[in-house]
Amino acid sequence: MILFFKEMGVSVAPFDMNGDQIEDVLFDCSGIKGDFCTQLFVYTKMVFDVRYLADLICKALKTEVLIADNSLNPFSWILITEKEERIVYQRIEDNDENLFLIVKN
């Protein structure tokens, strides 16, 4: 992902609350428990296609990515893999905000 942005002339840096940052794209990530192990937040004033970025991340890191589906349901997500894209739902029965699980079909 960093190389993609570098080739496009876009600067990328980790988000730092303690300083002024001039980079085009900032990111912050944290570990979570459950079906996904990392939560990644991307901050930018640039206009870009989130699905395109998710697809790049999937291919570059050989992983799966969840993005918001922009529906009224806060527990509905778009799962993007190297081969498919589909709607999935976050399991909420456990009522544990530190655990992120997907409903298994």
Protein backbone atom coordinates (compact mmCIF):
# COMPACT_ATOMS: atom_id res chain seq x y z
CA MET A 1 0.00 0.00 0.00
CA ILE A 2 2.79 2.43 0.86
CA LEU A 3 4.46 1.73 -2.49
CA PHE A 4 1.20 2.40 -4.34
CA PHE A 5 0.90 5.81 -2.73
CA LYS A 6 4.58 6.58 -3.26
CA GLU A 7 4.27 5.86 -6.98
CA MET A 8 1.34 8.26 -7.11
CA GLY A 9 3.23 11.01 -5.25
CA VAL A 10 1.10 10.74 -2.12
CA SER A 11 2.71 10.92 1.32
CA VAL A 12 1.57 8.46 4.00
CA ALA A 13 2.33 8.50 7.73
CA PRO A 14 1.04 7.11 11.02
CA PHE A 15 -1.39 9.42 12.80
CA ASP A 16 0.22 11.39 15.64
CA MET A 17 -2.06 13.36 17.98
CA ASN A 18 0.91 15.27 19.41
CA GLY A 19 2.08 17.06 16.30
CA ASP A 20 1.15 18.88 13.13
CA GLN A 21 1.25 16.56 10.17
CA ILE A 22 1.52 17.54 6.53
CA GLU A 23 1.16 14.11 4.94
CA ASP A 24 -1.65 13.48 2.45
CA VAL A 25 -2.86 10.29 4.16
CA LEU A 26 -2.70 9.41 7.84
CA PHE A 27 -3.48 6.03 9.34
CA ASP A 28 -3.99 4.58 12.79
CA CYS A 29 -4.33 0.92 13.65
CA SER A 30 -5.02 -1.08 16.76
CA GLY A 31 -5.38 -4.72 17.64
CA ILE A 32 -8.81 -6.23 18.23
CA LYS A 33 -10.08 -9.68 19.17
CA GLY A 34 -12.38 -11.88 17.16
CA ASP A 35 -12.63 -12.63 13.44
CA PHE A 36 -10.39 -9.68 12.54
CA CYS A 37 -7.16 -8.87 14.36
CA THR A 38 -6.47 -5.28 13.25
CA GLN A 39 -8.62 -2.20 13.06
CA LEU A 40 -7.28 0.34 10.53
CA PHE A 41 -8.46 3.94 10.31
CA VAL A 42 -7.50 6.04 7.28
CA TYR A 43 -7.73 9.84 7.43
CA THR A 44 -7.39 12.10 4.40
CA LYS A 45 -8.87 15.11 2.67
CA MET A 46 -8.27 13.37 -0.65
CA VAL A 47 -11.16 11.93 -2.61
CA PHE A 48 -10.69 8.26 -3.38
CA ASP A 49 -12.71 5.10 -3.80
CA VAL A 50 -12.70 3.20 -0.50
CA ARG A 51 -13.46 -0.08 -2.27
CA TYR A 52 -10.46 0.41 -4.54
CA LEU A 53 -8.20 1.04 -1.53
CA ALA A 54 -9.65 -2.03 0.26
CA ASP A 55 -8.99 -4.12 -2.84
CA LEU A 56 -5.36 -2.91 -2.94
CA ILE A 57 -4.91 -3.79 0.74
CA CYS A 58 -6.42 -7.26 0.18
CA LYS A 59 -4.07 -8.02 -2.69
CA ALA A 60 -0.94 -6.45 -1.19
CA LEU A 61 -1.35 -8.04 2.24
CA LYS A 62 -3.23 -11.19 1.17
CA THR A 63 -5.98 -10.52 3.67
CA GLU A 64 -9.68 -9.70 3.99
CA VAL A 65 -11.02 -6.20 4.62
CA LEU A 66 -14.29 -4.95 6.10
CA ILE A 67 -15.60 -1.54 5.09
CA ALA A 68 -18.79 0.26 6.04
CA ASP A 69 -21.72 -0.42 3.74
CA ASN A 70 -23.23 3.01 4.52
CA SER A 71 -26.57 1.46 5.45
CA LEU A 72 -28.63 2.42 8.48
CA ASN A 73 -27.65 -0.88 10.11
CA PRO A 74 -24.44 -0.23 12.11
CA PHE A 75 -23.73 -3.99 12.23
CA SER A 76 -23.78 -4.52 8.45
CA TRP A 77 -20.43 -4.48 6.60
CA ILE A 78 -18.97 -5.19 3.17
CA LEU A 79 -16.41 -8.00 3.27
CA ILE A 80 -13.83 -7.66 0.51
CA THR A 81 -11.49 -10.53 -0.33
CA GLU A 82 -9.21 -11.17 -3.29
CA LYS A 83 -12.01 -13.14 -4.97
CA GLU A 84 -15.33 -11.67 -3.81
CA GLU A 85 -17.26 -8.88 -2.20
CA ARG A 86 -20.34 -9.53 -0.03
CA ILE A 87 -22.44 -8.19 2.83
CA VAL A 88 -21.75 -9.67 6.28
CA TYR A 89 -23.18 -8.90 9.71
CA GLN A 90 -21.42 -8.31 12.98
CA ARG A 91 -22.51 -10.64 15.77
CA ILE A 92 -23.89 -8.57 18.64
CA GLU A 93 -25.30 -11.25 20.97
CA ASP A 94 -22.10 -11.34 23.02
CA ASN A 95 -22.42 -7.61 23.77
CA ASP A 96 -18.65 -7.27 24.15
CA GLU A 97 -17.29 -4.10 22.54
CA ASN A 98 -13.74 -5.53 22.61
CA LEU A 99 -14.70 -8.53 20.49
CA PHE A 100 -15.56 -8.34 16.77
CA LEU A 101 -17.27 -11.45 15.40
CA ILE A 102 -19.05 -12.04 12.09
CA VAL A 103 -22.30 -14.02 11.87
CA LYS A 104 -21.44 -17.36 10.25
CA ASN A 105 -23.81 -18.42 7.44
